[in-house]
Amino acid sequence: MASPLKPSGPLSSGNIATSESALSLTPRSQDSYQTPPLTELQRLLWTHKPSTGHVNEVWPNLYVGDLYTARDKAHLRRMGITHIVNAAAGRFHIDTGAKFYRDLPVDYYGIEADDDPNFDLSIYFYQAARYIRAALNSPRGRVLVHCAMGISRSATLVLAFLMICENKTLVDAIQAVCKHRGVCPNSGFLKQLQELDMRLAREKGRGADPLRL
């Protein structure tokens, strides 16, 4: 089983580039693509919103779920989950942690994030993407990314992963996830994803070398 990649704390402006350089980015094909305004992104989320259960596979071997799934160890075992990303970690949120899963063969990664538009979740985008990519590349890797309801914090991290590691635009990522699960990142998280989308586009525009894991 792959060793967990532990969070190294919030990224400062001085080490964001280091985290970005550890990930792969290939040129995007939509040369005319522009990041849509917030209202259009919200409309896209609301109009492509399938029914949502406790957990859904939104990308091969990558699942988004809620606290009920995260606490149902028997179900996690049946699903074959090998890695868990808790986007609502901490004693005042979903306080599971590595000890909670000690009787399961899983790696645990926790992020103490608030579902608040003013919370800066973007400082974890590259760390979480790196962890998810490594987990999916591990033998029989299956990853659950969850928060309380599985629609905002966890969905934001998965969208960022698809943009960073799977060469998706923000629109592409939303469409890919919403085929399988209704998600709705709060307005602050959507703005942070917009900024990531524009940053990745600028990297392409500058002809930057591909970033690799």
N, C-alpha and C. Protein backbone atom coordinates (compact mmCIF):
# COMPACT_ATOMS: atom_id res chain seq x y z
N MET A 1 0.84 -1.19 0.00
CA MET A 1 0.00 0.00 0.00
C MET A 1 0.88 1.23 0.00
N ALA A 2 0.53 2.19 -0.79
CA ALA A 2 1.34 3.39 -0.90
C ALA A 2 1.33 4.17 0.40
N SER A 3 2.45 4.79 0.74
CA SER A 3 2.52 5.61 1.93
C SER A 3 1.78 6.91 1.70
N PRO A 4 1.07 7.41 2.73
CA PRO A 4 0.32 8.65 2.53
C PRO A 4 1.24 9.83 2.36
N LEU A 5 0.82 10.77 1.54
CA LEU A 5 1.52 12.04 1.41
C LEU A 5 0.89 13.00 2.39
N LYS A 6 1.63 13.41 3.40
CA LYS A 6 1.09 14.24 4.46
C LYS A 6 1.05 15.69 4.04
N PRO A 7 0.00 16.44 4.46
CA PRO A 7 -0.04 17.86 4.13
C PRO A 7 1.10 18.58 4.82
N SER A 8 1.70 19.51 4.12
CA SER A 8 2.83 20.24 4.67
C SER A 8 2.42 21.61 5.19
N GLY A 9 1.11 21.84 5.32
CA GLY A 9 0.62 23.12 5.82
C GLY A 9 0.31 24.05 4.67
N PRO A 10 -0.28 25.18 4.97
CA PRO A 10 -0.66 26.13 3.92
C PRO A 10 0.53 26.55 3.09
N LEU A 11 0.31 26.71 1.80
CA LEU A 11 1.37 27.13 0.90
C LEU A 11 1.52 28.63 0.96
N SER A 12 2.72 29.09 1.10
CA SER A 12 2.99 30.52 1.03
C SER A 12 3.29 30.89 -0.40
N SER A 13 3.35 32.19 -0.68
CA SER A 13 3.63 32.62 -2.05
C SER A 13 5.01 32.17 -2.48
N GLY A 14 5.88 31.88 -1.52
CA GLY A 14 7.23 31.48 -1.87
C GLY A 14 7.36 30.05 -2.28
N ASN A 15 6.39 29.18 -1.88
CA ASN A 15 6.56 27.79 -2.24
C ASN A 15 5.43 27.24 -3.09
N ILE A 16 4.53 28.10 -3.58
CA ILE A 16 3.50 27.63 -4.50
C ILE A 16 4.14 27.07 -5.76
N ALA A 17 5.14 27.73 -6.29
CA ALA A 17 5.77 27.27 -7.52
C ALA A 17 6.38 25.90 -7.35
N THR A 18 6.92 25.61 -6.16
CA THR A 18 7.50 24.30 -5.92
C THR A 18 6.45 23.22 -6.01
N SER A 19 5.28 23.46 -5.42
CA SER A 19 4.21 22.48 -5.48
C SER A 19 3.70 22.32 -6.90
N GLU A 20 3.59 23.42 -7.64
CA GLU A 20 3.12 23.33 -9.01
C GLU A 20 4.11 22.54 -9.86
N SER A 21 5.39 22.70 -9.61
CA SER A 21 6.39 22.04 -10.45
C SER A 21 6.40 20.55 -10.25
N ALA A 22 5.72 20.06 -9.21
CA ALA A 22 5.70 18.63 -8.96
C ALA A 22 4.59 17.93 -9.71
N LEU A 23 3.79 18.68 -10.46
CA LEU A 23 2.63 18.10 -11.12
C LEU A 23 2.73 18.23 -12.62
N SER A 24 1.95 17.40 -13.31
CA SER A 24 2.02 17.40 -14.76
C SER A 24 0.95 18.29 -15.36
N LEU A 25 1.32 19.02 -16.37
CA LEU A 25 0.39 19.87 -17.10
C LEU A 25 0.74 19.77 -18.56
N THR A 26 -0.19 19.27 -19.38
CA THR A 26 0.04 19.17 -20.81
C THR A 26 -0.76 20.26 -21.50
N PRO A 27 -0.37 20.65 -22.72
CA PRO A 27 -1.06 21.76 -23.38
C PRO A 27 -2.54 21.48 -23.56
N ARG A 28 -3.35 22.50 -23.38
CA ARG A 28 -4.78 22.37 -23.58
C ARG A 28 -5.11 22.58 -25.04
N SER A 29 -6.17 21.93 -25.48
CA SER A 29 -6.51 21.98 -26.90
C SER A 29 -7.40 23.17 -27.25
N GLN A 30 -8.15 23.70 -26.26
CA GLN A 30 -9.09 24.77 -26.56
C GLN A 30 -8.36 26.11 -26.54
N ASP A 31 -7.72 26.47 -27.67
CA ASP A 31 -6.94 27.70 -27.71
C ASP A 31 -7.81 28.94 -27.49
N SER A 32 -9.09 28.88 -27.87
CA SER A 32 -9.96 30.04 -27.74
C SER A 32 -10.72 30.06 -26.41
N TYR A 33 -10.46 29.10 -25.56
CA TYR A 33 -11.19 28.98 -24.29
C TYR A 33 -10.89 30.16 -23.37
N GLN A 34 -11.92 30.67 -22.73
CA GLN A 34 -11.77 31.70 -21.70
C GLN A 34 -12.56 31.28 -20.47
N THR A 35 -12.01 31.53 -19.31
CA THR A 35 -12.69 31.18 -18.07
C THR A 35 -14.01 31.94 -17.97
N PRO A 36 -15.13 31.24 -17.82
CA PRO A 36 -16.43 31.93 -17.75
C PRO A 36 -16.57 32.72 -16.46
N PRO A 37 -17.46 33.72 -16.46
CA PRO A 37 -17.75 34.45 -15.22
C PRO A 37 -18.47 33.56 -14.22
N LEU A 38 -18.51 34.02 -12.99
CA LEU A 38 -19.06 33.22 -11.90
C LEU A 38 -20.51 32.83 -12.16
N THR A 39 -21.31 33.74 -12.68
CA THR A 39 -22.73 33.44 -12.90
C THR A 39 -22.92 32.31 -13.90
N GLU A 40 -22.08 32.26 -14.93
CA GLU A 40 -22.19 31.19 -15.92
C GLU A 40 -21.77 29.86 -15.33
N LEU A 41 -20.76 29.87 -14.48
CA LEU A 41 -20.33 28.63 -13.83
C LEU A 41 -21.43 28.10 -12.91
N GLN A 42 -22.06 28.99 -12.17
CA GLN A 42 -23.15 28.58 -11.29
C GLN A 42 -24.32 28.03 -12.09
N ARG A 43 -24.62 28.65 -13.22
CA ARG A 43 -25.69 28.15 -14.07
C ARG A 43 -25.35 26.76 -14.61
N LEU A 44 -24.09 26.57 -14.98
CA LEU A 44 -23.65 25.26 -15.47
C LEU A 44 -23.82 24.19 -14.40
N LEU A 45 -23.49 24.52 -13.16
CA LEU A 45 -23.64 23.57 -12.06
C LEU A 45 -25.10 23.26 -11.80
N TRP A 46 -25.95 24.26 -11.87
CA TRP A 46 -27.36 24.06 -11.54
C TRP A 46 -28.12 23.34 -12.65
N THR A 47 -27.71 23.52 -13.89
CA THR A 47 -28.44 22.90 -15.01
C THR A 47 -27.94 21.50 -15.33
N HIS A 48 -26.80 21.12 -14.81
CA HIS A 48 -26.27 19.77 -15.01
C HIS A 48 -26.13 19.10 -13.65
N LYS A 49 -27.26 18.91 -12.99
CA LYS A 49 -27.23 18.43 -11.61
C LYS A 49 -28.05 17.14 -11.50
N PRO A 50 -27.40 15.99 -11.65
CA PRO A 50 -28.12 14.72 -11.51
C PRO A 50 -28.45 14.46 -10.04
N SER A 51 -29.31 13.47 -9.82
CA SER A 51 -29.60 13.10 -8.44
C SER A 51 -28.32 12.61 -7.77
N THR A 52 -28.19 12.92 -6.50
CA THR A 52 -26.96 12.63 -5.78
C THR A 52 -27.25 11.73 -4.59
N GLY A 53 -26.51 10.62 -4.50
CA GLY A 53 -26.62 9.75 -3.34
C GLY A 53 -25.53 10.08 -2.35
N HIS A 54 -25.23 9.13 -1.48
CA HIS A 54 -24.19 9.36 -0.48
C HIS A 54 -22.80 9.39 -1.12
N VAL A 55 -22.62 8.64 -2.20
CA VAL A 55 -21.30 8.58 -2.84
C VAL A 55 -21.47 8.25 -4.31
N ASN A 56 -20.62 8.83 -5.15
CA ASN A 56 -20.65 8.57 -6.59
C ASN A 56 -19.24 8.53 -7.14
N GLU A 57 -19.02 7.65 -8.10
CA GLU A 57 -17.75 7.60 -8.81
C GLU A 57 -17.80 8.67 -9.91
N VAL A 58 -16.96 9.68 -9.82
CA VAL A 58 -17.00 10.80 -10.75
C VAL A 58 -15.87 10.76 -11.77
N TRP A 59 -14.90 9.91 -11.56
CA TRP A 59 -13.76 9.70 -12.44
C TRP A 59 -13.29 8.29 -12.14
N PRO A 60 -12.67 7.59 -13.10
CA PRO A 60 -12.29 6.20 -12.81
C PRO A 60 -11.56 6.05 -11.48
N ASN A 61 -12.17 5.29 -10.58
CA ASN A 61 -11.61 4.97 -9.26
C ASN A 61 -11.52 6.17 -8.32
N LEU A 62 -12.22 7.25 -8.66
CA LEU A 62 -12.24 8.46 -7.82
C LEU A 62 -13.69 8.76 -7.44
N TYR A 63 -13.95 8.80 -6.14
CA TYR A 63 -15.30 8.94 -5.62
C TYR A 63 -15.44 10.22 -4.81
N VAL A 64 -16.62 10.84 -4.90
CA VAL A 64 -16.97 11.97 -4.05
C VAL A 64 -18.14 11.54 -3.17
N GLY A 65 -18.02 11.78 -1.86
CA GLY A 65 -19.07 11.33 -0.96
C GLY A 65 -19.24 12.23 0.23
N ASP A 66 -20.13 11.80 1.13
CA ASP A 66 -20.48 12.60 2.30
C ASP A 66 -19.99 11.93 3.58
N LEU A 67 -20.37 12.51 4.71
CA LEU A 67 -19.89 12.00 6.00
C LEU A 67 -20.41 10.60 6.29
N TYR A 68 -21.60 10.26 5.80
CA TYR A 68 -22.15 8.93 6.05
C TYR A 68 -21.29 7.86 5.39
N THR A 69 -20.86 8.13 4.19
CA THR A 69 -19.97 7.19 3.50
C THR A 69 -18.64 7.10 4.24
N ALA A 70 -18.12 8.23 4.65
CA ALA A 70 -16.81 8.26 5.31
C ALA A 70 -16.81 7.47 6.61
N ARG A 71 -17.95 7.41 7.28
CA ARG A 71 -18.03 6.73 8.57
C ARG A 71 -18.51 5.28 8.46
N ASP A 72 -18.91 4.87 7.27
CA ASP A 72 -19.40 3.50 7.07
C ASP A 72 -18.24 2.61 6.63
N LYS A 73 -17.51 2.09 7.60
CA LYS A 73 -16.30 1.34 7.27
C LYS A 73 -16.60 0.05 6.51
N ALA A 74 -17.73 -0.57 6.79
CA ALA A 74 -18.09 -1.78 6.06
C ALA A 74 -18.30 -1.46 4.58
N HIS A 75 -18.95 -0.34 4.31
CA HIS A 75 -19.19 0.05 2.91
C HIS A 75 -17.88 0.43 2.23
N LEU A 76 -17.00 1.12 2.94
CA LEU A 76 -15.70 1.47 2.37
C LEU A 76 -14.91 0.22 2.00
N ARG A 77 -15.01 -0.80 2.85
CA ARG A 77 -14.32 -2.06 2.55
C ARG A 77 -14.90 -2.72 1.30
N ARG A 78 -16.23 -2.72 1.21
CA ARG A 78 -16.87 -3.30 0.02
C ARG A 78 -16.50 -2.54 -1.24
N MET A 79 -16.36 -1.24 -1.15
CA MET A 79 -16.00 -0.41 -2.30
C MET A 79 -14.54 -0.60 -2.70
N GLY A 80 -13.74 -1.11 -1.79
CA GLY A 80 -12.32 -1.27 -2.08
C GLY A 80 -11.54 0.02 -1.99
N ILE A 81 -12.01 0.95 -1.16
CA ILE A 81 -11.32 2.24 -1.01
C ILE A 81 -9.95 2.03 -0.38
N THR A 82 -8.93 2.62 -0.98
CA THR A 82 -7.56 2.50 -0.47
C THR A 82 -7.04 3.81 0.12
N HIS A 83 -7.64 4.93 -0.29
CA HIS A 83 -7.18 6.24 0.17
C HIS A 83 -8.39 7.13 0.44
N ILE A 84 -8.32 7.90 1.52
CA ILE A 84 -9.41 8.79 1.89
C ILE A 84 -8.88 10.21 2.07
N VAL A 85 -9.52 11.15 1.39
CA VAL A 85 -9.23 12.57 1.56
C VAL A 85 -10.43 13.20 2.27
N ASN A 86 -10.21 13.64 3.49
CA ASN A 86 -11.26 14.29 4.28
C ASN A 86 -11.08 15.79 4.17
N ALA A 87 -11.97 16.43 3.41
CA ALA A 87 -11.88 17.88 3.21
C ALA A 87 -12.58 18.66 4.31
N ALA A 88 -13.05 17.96 5.34
CA ALA A 88 -13.72 18.61 6.47
C ALA A 88 -13.16 18.04 7.77
N ALA A 89 -11.86 17.89 7.83
CA ALA A 89 -11.22 17.28 8.99
C ALA A 89 -11.24 18.23 10.19
N GLY A 90 -10.98 17.66 11.36
CA GLY A 90 -10.90 18.48 12.57
C GLY A 90 -11.98 18.15 13.57
N ARG A 91 -11.74 18.47 14.81
CA ARG A 91 -12.65 18.09 15.90
C ARG A 91 -14.01 18.75 15.79
N PHE A 92 -14.12 19.87 15.09
CA PHE A 92 -15.40 20.55 14.96
C PHE A 92 -16.10 20.23 13.64
N HIS A 93 -15.53 19.30 12.89
CA HIS A 93 -16.13 18.91 11.61
C HIS A 93 -16.33 17.39 11.59
N ILE A 94 -15.63 16.69 10.72
CA ILE A 94 -15.73 15.23 10.65
C ILE A 94 -14.43 14.67 11.19
N ASP A 95 -14.44 14.40 12.47
CA ASP A 95 -13.21 14.05 13.18
C ASP A 95 -12.98 12.54 13.11
N THR A 96 -12.59 12.07 11.93
CA THR A 96 -12.27 10.65 11.77
C THR A 96 -10.77 10.47 12.01
N GLY A 97 -9.97 10.63 10.98
CA GLY A 97 -8.53 10.54 11.14
C GLY A 97 -8.00 9.14 10.95
N ALA A 98 -6.69 9.01 10.94
CA ALA A 98 -6.04 7.73 10.68
C ALA A 98 -6.43 6.69 11.72
N LYS A 99 -6.60 7.08 12.98
CA LYS A 99 -6.95 6.11 14.02
C LYS A 99 -8.33 5.52 13.79
N PHE A 100 -9.25 6.33 13.28
CA PHE A 100 -10.60 5.82 13.01
C PHE A 100 -10.56 4.69 11.99
N TYR A 101 -9.63 4.77 11.04
CA TYR A 101 -9.55 3.78 9.96
C TYR A 101 -8.45 2.74 10.20
N ARG A 102 -7.99 2.62 11.44
CA ARG A 102 -6.84 1.74 11.69
C ARG A 102 -7.12 0.28 11.37
N ASP A 103 -8.39 -0.13 11.36
CA ASP A 103 -8.72 -1.52 11.04
C ASP A 103 -9.02 -1.70 9.55
N LEU A 104 -8.79 -0.67 8.75
CA LEU A 104 -8.96 -0.76 7.30
C LEU A 104 -7.61 -0.51 6.62
N PRO A 105 -7.39 -1.15 5.47
CA PRO A 105 -6.13 -0.93 4.73
C PRO A 105 -6.20 0.35 3.89
N VAL A 106 -6.31 1.50 4.56
CA VAL A 106 -6.43 2.76 3.83
C VAL A 106 -5.40 3.77 4.33
N ASP A 107 -5.01 4.67 3.44
CA ASP A 107 -4.23 5.85 3.79
C ASP A 107 -5.20 7.01 3.98
N TYR A 108 -4.88 7.88 4.91
CA TYR A 108 -5.78 8.99 5.23
C TYR A 108 -5.05 10.32 5.07
N TYR A 109 -5.76 11.28 4.48
CA TYR A 109 -5.24 12.63 4.28
C TYR A 109 -6.32 13.61 4.69
N GLY A 110 -6.05 14.43 5.68
CA GLY A 110 -7.07 15.35 6.19
C GLY A 110 -6.74 16.81 5.94
N ILE A 111 -7.76 17.56 5.58
CA ILE A 111 -7.64 19.01 5.38
C ILE A 111 -8.73 19.67 6.22
N GLU A 112 -8.33 20.55 7.12
CA GLU A 112 -9.29 21.22 8.00
C GLU A 112 -9.84 22.46 7.29
N ALA A 113 -10.84 22.24 6.46
CA ALA A 113 -11.41 23.32 5.65
C ALA A 113 -12.83 23.64 6.12
N ASP A 114 -13.16 24.91 6.08
CA ASP A 114 -14.53 25.35 6.36
C ASP A 114 -15.26 25.56 5.04
N ASP A 115 -16.55 25.22 5.02
CA ASP A 115 -17.36 25.49 3.83
C ASP A 115 -17.83 26.94 3.90
N ASP A 116 -16.88 27.83 3.72
CA ASP A 116 -17.09 29.26 3.87
C ASP A 116 -16.47 29.95 2.66
N PRO A 117 -17.21 30.82 1.97
CA PRO A 117 -16.64 31.49 0.80
C PRO A 117 -15.34 32.24 1.09
N ASN A 118 -15.12 32.60 2.35
CA ASN A 118 -13.90 33.33 2.70
C ASN A 118 -12.73 32.42 3.03
N PHE A 119 -12.97 31.11 3.10
CA PHE A 119 -11.88 30.17 3.39
C PHE A 119 -11.06 29.93 2.13
N ASP A 120 -9.74 30.00 2.27
CA ASP A 120 -8.85 29.81 1.11
C ASP A 120 -8.50 28.34 0.96
N LEU A 121 -9.32 27.63 0.20
CA LEU A 121 -9.05 26.22 -0.06
C LEU A 121 -7.97 26.03 -1.12
N SER A 122 -7.70 27.08 -1.89
CA SER A 122 -6.74 26.96 -2.99
C SER A 122 -5.34 26.64 -2.51
N ILE A 123 -5.02 26.93 -1.25
CA ILE A 123 -3.68 26.63 -0.76
C ILE A 123 -3.43 25.13 -0.69
N TYR A 124 -4.51 24.34 -0.80
CA TYR A 124 -4.38 22.88 -0.78
C TYR A 124 -4.56 22.24 -2.15
N PHE A 125 -4.85 23.02 -3.19
CA PHE A 125 -5.15 22.44 -4.49
C PHE A 125 -4.04 21.51 -4.98
N TYR A 126 -2.81 22.00 -4.97
CA TYR A 126 -1.72 21.21 -5.53
C TYR A 126 -1.32 20.06 -4.62
N GLN A 127 -1.38 20.27 -3.32
CA GLN A 127 -1.07 19.18 -2.39
C GLN A 127 -2.09 18.05 -2.54
N ALA A 128 -3.38 18.40 -2.57
CA ALA A 128 -4.42 17.38 -2.69
C ALA A 128 -4.35 16.69 -4.05
N ALA A 129 -4.10 17.46 -5.11
CA ALA A 129 -3.99 16.85 -6.44
C ALA A 129 -2.83 15.87 -6.50
N ARG A 130 -1.72 16.23 -5.88
CA ARG A 130 -0.56 15.35 -5.86
C ARG A 130 -0.89 14.05 -5.11
N TYR A 131 -1.59 14.18 -4.00
CA TYR A 131 -1.97 13.01 -3.22
C TYR A 131 -2.92 12.11 -4.00
N ILE A 132 -3.94 12.71 -4.62
CA ILE A 132 -4.92 11.92 -5.39
C ILE A 132 -4.25 11.22 -6.56
N ARG A 133 -3.38 11.93 -7.27
CA ARG A 133 -2.69 11.32 -8.41
C ARG A 133 -1.85 10.12 -7.95
N ALA A 134 -1.09 10.28 -6.87
CA ALA A 134 -0.27 9.18 -6.36
C ALA A 134 -1.15 8.01 -5.92
N ALA A 135 -2.28 8.31 -5.30
CA ALA A 135 -3.18 7.25 -4.84
C ALA A 135 -3.77 6.48 -6.01
N LEU A 136 -4.21 7.18 -7.04
CA LEU A 136 -4.79 6.51 -8.21
C LEU A 136 -3.75 5.68 -8.95
N ASN A 137 -2.50 6.09 -8.86
CA ASN A 137 -1.43 5.35 -9.53
C ASN A 137 -0.91 4.18 -8.71
N SER A 138 -1.37 4.05 -7.48
CA SER A 138 -0.94 2.94 -6.63
C SER A 138 -1.71 1.68 -7.01
N PRO A 139 -1.20 0.49 -6.66
CA PRO A 139 -1.89 -0.75 -7.00
C PRO A 139 -3.31 -0.78 -6.45
N ARG A 140 -4.27 -1.02 -7.34
CA ARG A 140 -5.69 -1.10 -6.98
C ARG A 140 -6.18 0.15 -6.27
N GLY A 141 -5.59 1.29 -6.60
CA GLY A 141 -5.93 2.53 -5.92
C GLY A 141 -7.36 2.99 -6.18
N ARG A 142 -8.09 3.23 -5.12
CA ARG A 142 -9.44 3.80 -5.19
C ARG A 142 -9.54 4.88 -4.12
N VAL A 143 -9.95 6.06 -4.53
CA VAL A 143 -9.88 7.22 -3.65
C VAL A 143 -11.27 7.77 -3.36
N LEU A 144 -11.55 7.99 -2.09
CA LEU A 144 -12.76 8.70 -1.67
C LEU A 144 -12.36 10.09 -1.20
N VAL A 145 -12.94 11.11 -1.82
CA VAL A 145 -12.78 12.49 -1.36
C VAL A 145 -14.13 12.90 -0.79
N HIS A 146 -14.15 13.29 0.47
CA HIS A 146 -15.44 13.59 1.09
C HIS A 146 -15.36 14.85 1.95
N CYS A 147 -16.53 15.38 2.23
CA CYS A 147 -16.70 16.44 3.22
C CYS A 147 -17.97 16.10 3.98
N ALA A 148 -18.75 17.07 4.39
CA ALA A 148 -19.97 16.75 5.13
C ALA A 148 -21.08 16.26 4.21
N MET A 149 -21.29 16.97 3.10
CA MET A 149 -22.37 16.62 2.18
C MET A 149 -21.87 16.14 0.83
N GLY A 150 -20.59 16.30 0.56
CA GLY A 150 -20.04 15.84 -0.71
C GLY A 150 -20.43 16.70 -1.89
N ILE A 151 -20.61 18.00 -1.65
CA ILE A 151 -21.01 18.86 -2.77
C ILE A 151 -20.15 20.11 -2.92
N SER A 152 -19.44 20.53 -1.88
CA SER A 152 -18.72 21.80 -1.96
C SER A 152 -17.22 21.61 -1.77
N ARG A 153 -16.76 21.35 -0.54
CA ARG A 153 -15.33 21.24 -0.29
C ARG A 153 -14.69 20.09 -1.06
N SER A 154 -15.27 18.91 -0.93
CA SER A 154 -14.70 17.74 -1.62
C SER A 154 -14.78 17.91 -3.13
N ALA A 155 -15.91 18.42 -3.62
CA ALA A 155 -16.06 18.62 -5.06
C ALA A 155 -15.04 19.61 -5.59
N THR A 156 -14.75 20.65 -4.83
CA THR A 156 -13.77 21.65 -5.25
C THR A 156 -12.40 21.02 -5.41
N LEU A 157 -12.00 20.18 -4.48
CA LEU A 157 -10.69 19.52 -4.57
C LEU A 157 -10.62 18.58 -5.77
N VAL A 158 -11.71 17.88 -6.04
CA VAL A 158 -11.72 16.97 -7.20
C VAL A 158 -11.68 17.76 -8.50
N LEU A 159 -12.41 18.86 -8.58
CA LEU A 159 -12.35 19.70 -9.78
C LEU A 159 -10.94 20.22 -10.00
N ALA A 160 -10.29 20.65 -8.93
CA ALA A 160 -8.91 21.14 -9.04
C ALA A 160 -7.98 20.03 -9.51
N PHE A 161 -8.17 18.82 -9.00
CA PHE A 161 -7.36 17.68 -9.44
C PHE A 161 -7.51 17.45 -10.94
N LEU A 162 -8.74 17.46 -11.44
CA LEU A 162 -8.96 17.23 -12.86
C LEU A 162 -8.32 18.33 -13.70
N MET A 163 -8.33 19.55 -13.22
CA MET A 163 -7.72 20.66 -13.95
C MET A 163 -6.20 20.55 -13.95
N ILE A 164 -5.62 20.21 -12.81
CA ILE A 164 -4.17 20.18 -12.67
C ILE A 164 -3.56 18.94 -13.30
N CYS A 165 -4.16 17.79 -13.02
CA CYS A 165 -3.54 16.52 -13.41
C CYS A 165 -4.14 15.88 -14.65
N GLU A 166 -5.35 16.26 -15.03
CA GLU A 166 -6.00 15.64 -16.18
C GLU A 166 -6.23 16.63 -17.32
N ASN A 167 -5.59 17.80 -17.24
CA ASN A 167 -5.62 18.77 -18.34
C ASN A 167 -7.03 19.23 -18.70
N LYS A 168 -7.89 19.35 -17.70
CA LYS A 168 -9.25 19.81 -17.93
C LYS A 168 -9.35 21.32 -17.69
N THR A 169 -10.12 21.99 -18.53
CA THR A 169 -10.51 23.35 -18.18
C THR A 169 -11.52 23.25 -17.04
N LEU A 170 -11.82 24.36 -16.41
CA LEU A 170 -12.81 24.34 -15.34
C LEU A 170 -14.16 23.87 -15.85
N VAL A 171 -14.55 24.33 -17.03
CA VAL A 171 -15.82 23.90 -17.61
C VAL A 171 -15.80 22.40 -17.88
N ASP A 172 -14.71 21.90 -18.47
CA ASP A 172 -14.58 20.46 -18.72
C ASP A 172 -14.71 19.67 -17.43
N ALA A 173 -14.03 20.14 -16.39
CA ALA A 173 -14.02 19.43 -15.11
C ALA A 173 -15.42 19.39 -14.51
N ILE A 174 -16.12 20.52 -14.54
CA ILE A 174 -17.48 20.56 -14.01
C ILE A 174 -18.38 19.60 -14.78
N GLN A 175 -18.28 19.61 -16.09
CA GLN A 175 -19.12 18.72 -16.90
C GLN A 175 -18.81 17.26 -16.62
N ALA A 176 -17.53 16.93 -16.43
CA ALA A 176 -17.14 15.55 -16.16
C ALA A 176 -17.71 15.07 -14.83
N VAL A 177 -17.61 15.90 -13.80
CA VAL A 177 -18.10 15.51 -12.48
C VAL A 177 -19.62 15.47 -12.45
N CYS A 178 -20.26 16.47 -13.06
CA CYS A 178 -21.71 16.58 -13.00
C CYS A 178 -22.44 15.53 -13.82
N LYS A 179 -21.73 14.78 -14.63
CA LYS A 179 -22.35 13.63 -15.29
C LYS A 179 -22.73 12.56 -14.28
N HIS A 180 -22.06 12.58 -13.13
CA HIS A 180 -22.22 11.50 -12.16
C HIS A 180 -22.72 11.95 -10.79
N ARG A 181 -22.53 13.23 -10.48
CA ARG A 181 -22.93 13.71 -9.15
C ARG A 181 -23.25 15.20 -9.21
N GLY A 182 -24.32 15.57 -8.55
CA GLY A 182 -24.64 16.98 -8.42
C GLY A 182 -23.74 17.63 -7.38
N VAL A 183 -22.99 18.62 -7.78
CA VAL A 183 -22.09 19.31 -6.86
C VAL A 183 -22.34 20.82 -6.95
N CYS A 184 -21.92 21.53 -5.91
CA CYS A 184 -22.15 22.98 -5.90
C CYS A 184 -21.15 23.66 -4.98
N PRO A 185 -19.91 23.85 -5.43
CA PRO A 185 -18.95 24.60 -4.62
C PRO A 185 -19.49 25.99 -4.29
N ASN A 186 -19.18 26.47 -3.10
CA ASN A 186 -19.66 27.81 -2.75
C ASN A 186 -18.98 28.86 -3.63
N SER A 187 -19.50 30.07 -3.60
CA SER A 187 -19.03 31.10 -4.52
C SER A 187 -17.55 31.42 -4.35
N GLY A 188 -17.07 31.37 -3.12
CA GLY A 188 -15.65 31.63 -2.89
C GLY A 188 -14.77 30.56 -3.50
N PHE A 189 -15.17 29.29 -3.36
CA PHE A 189 -14.40 28.20 -3.95
C PHE A 189 -14.43 28.27 -5.47
N LEU A 190 -15.59 28.65 -6.03
CA LEU A 190 -15.67 28.80 -7.49
C LEU A 190 -14.71 29.88 -7.98
N LYS A 191 -14.61 30.97 -7.23
CA LYS A 191 -13.67 32.03 -7.62
C LYS A 191 -12.23 31.53 -7.57
N GLN A 192 -11.93 30.70 -6.58
CA GLN A 192 -10.58 30.14 -6.48
C GLN A 192 -10.30 29.18 -7.64
N LEU A 193 -11.32 28.44 -8.07
CA LEU A 193 -11.16 27.57 -9.24
C LEU A 193 -11.01 28.40 -10.51
N GLN A 194 -11.72 29.52 -10.58
CA GLN A 194 -11.52 30.43 -11.72
C GLN A 194 -10.07 30.89 -11.80
N GLU A 195 -9.51 31.27 -10.67
CA GLU A 195 -8.12 31.73 -10.64
C GLU A 195 -7.16 30.62 -11.06
N LEU A 196 -7.44 29.40 -10.61
CA LEU A 196 -6.61 28.26 -11.03
C LEU A 196 -6.72 28.05 -12.53
N ASP A 197 -7.94 28.14 -13.06
CA ASP A 197 -8.17 27.97 -14.49
C ASP A 197 -7.36 28.98 -15.29
N MET A 198 -7.38 30.22 -14.87
CA MET A 198 -6.64 31.27 -15.58
C MET A 198 -5.13 31.09 -15.43
N ARG A 199 -4.70 30.63 -14.26
CA ARG A 199 -3.27 30.40 -14.05
C ARG A 199 -2.75 29.29 -14.97
N LEU A 200 -3.52 28.21 -15.07
CA LEU A 200 -3.11 27.11 -15.95
C LEU A 200 -3.09 27.55 -17.41
N ALA A 201 -4.05 28.40 -17.79
CA ALA A 201 -4.06 28.92 -19.16
C ALA A 201 -2.85 29.80 -19.42
N ARG A 202 -2.45 30.60 -18.43
CA ARG A 202 -1.27 31.44 -18.60
C ARG A 202 -0.01 30.59 -18.74
N GLU A 203 0.07 29.50 -18.00
CA GLU A 203 1.23 28.62 -18.12
C GLU A 203 1.35 28.10 -19.56
N LYS A 204 0.21 27.76 -20.14
CA LYS A 204 0.23 27.30 -21.52
C LYS A 204 0.64 28.43 -22.45
N GLY A 205 0.10 29.64 -22.21
CA GLY A 205 0.40 30.78 -23.07
C GLY A 205 1.86 31.16 -23.07
N ARG A 206 2.54 30.91 -21.95
CA ARG A 206 3.96 31.23 -21.87
C ARG A 206 4.83 30.12 -22.45
N GLY A 207 4.19 29.06 -22.90
CA GLY A 207 4.95 27.95 -23.46
C GLY A 207 5.80 27.25 -22.42
N ALA A 208 5.30 27.16 -21.19
CA ALA A 208 6.05 26.54 -20.11
C ALA A 208 6.27 25.06 -20.40
N ASP A 209 7.39 24.54 -19.91
CA ASP A 209 7.66 23.12 -20.04
C ASP A 209 6.60 22.34 -19.27
N PRO A 210 6.24 21.11 -19.76
CA PRO A 210 5.26 20.31 -19.02
C PRO A 210 5.72 20.09 -17.58
N LEU A 211 4.79 20.22 -16.65
CA LEU A 211 5.08 19.97 -15.24
C LEU A 211 4.83 18.50 -14.97
N ARG A 212 5.73 17.87 -14.28
CA ARG A 212 5.63 16.43 -14.07
C ARG A 212 5.67 16.09 -12.60
N LEU A 213 4.98 14.97 -12.28
CA LEU A 213 5.02 14.46 -10.92
C LEU A 213 6.43 14.04 -10.56
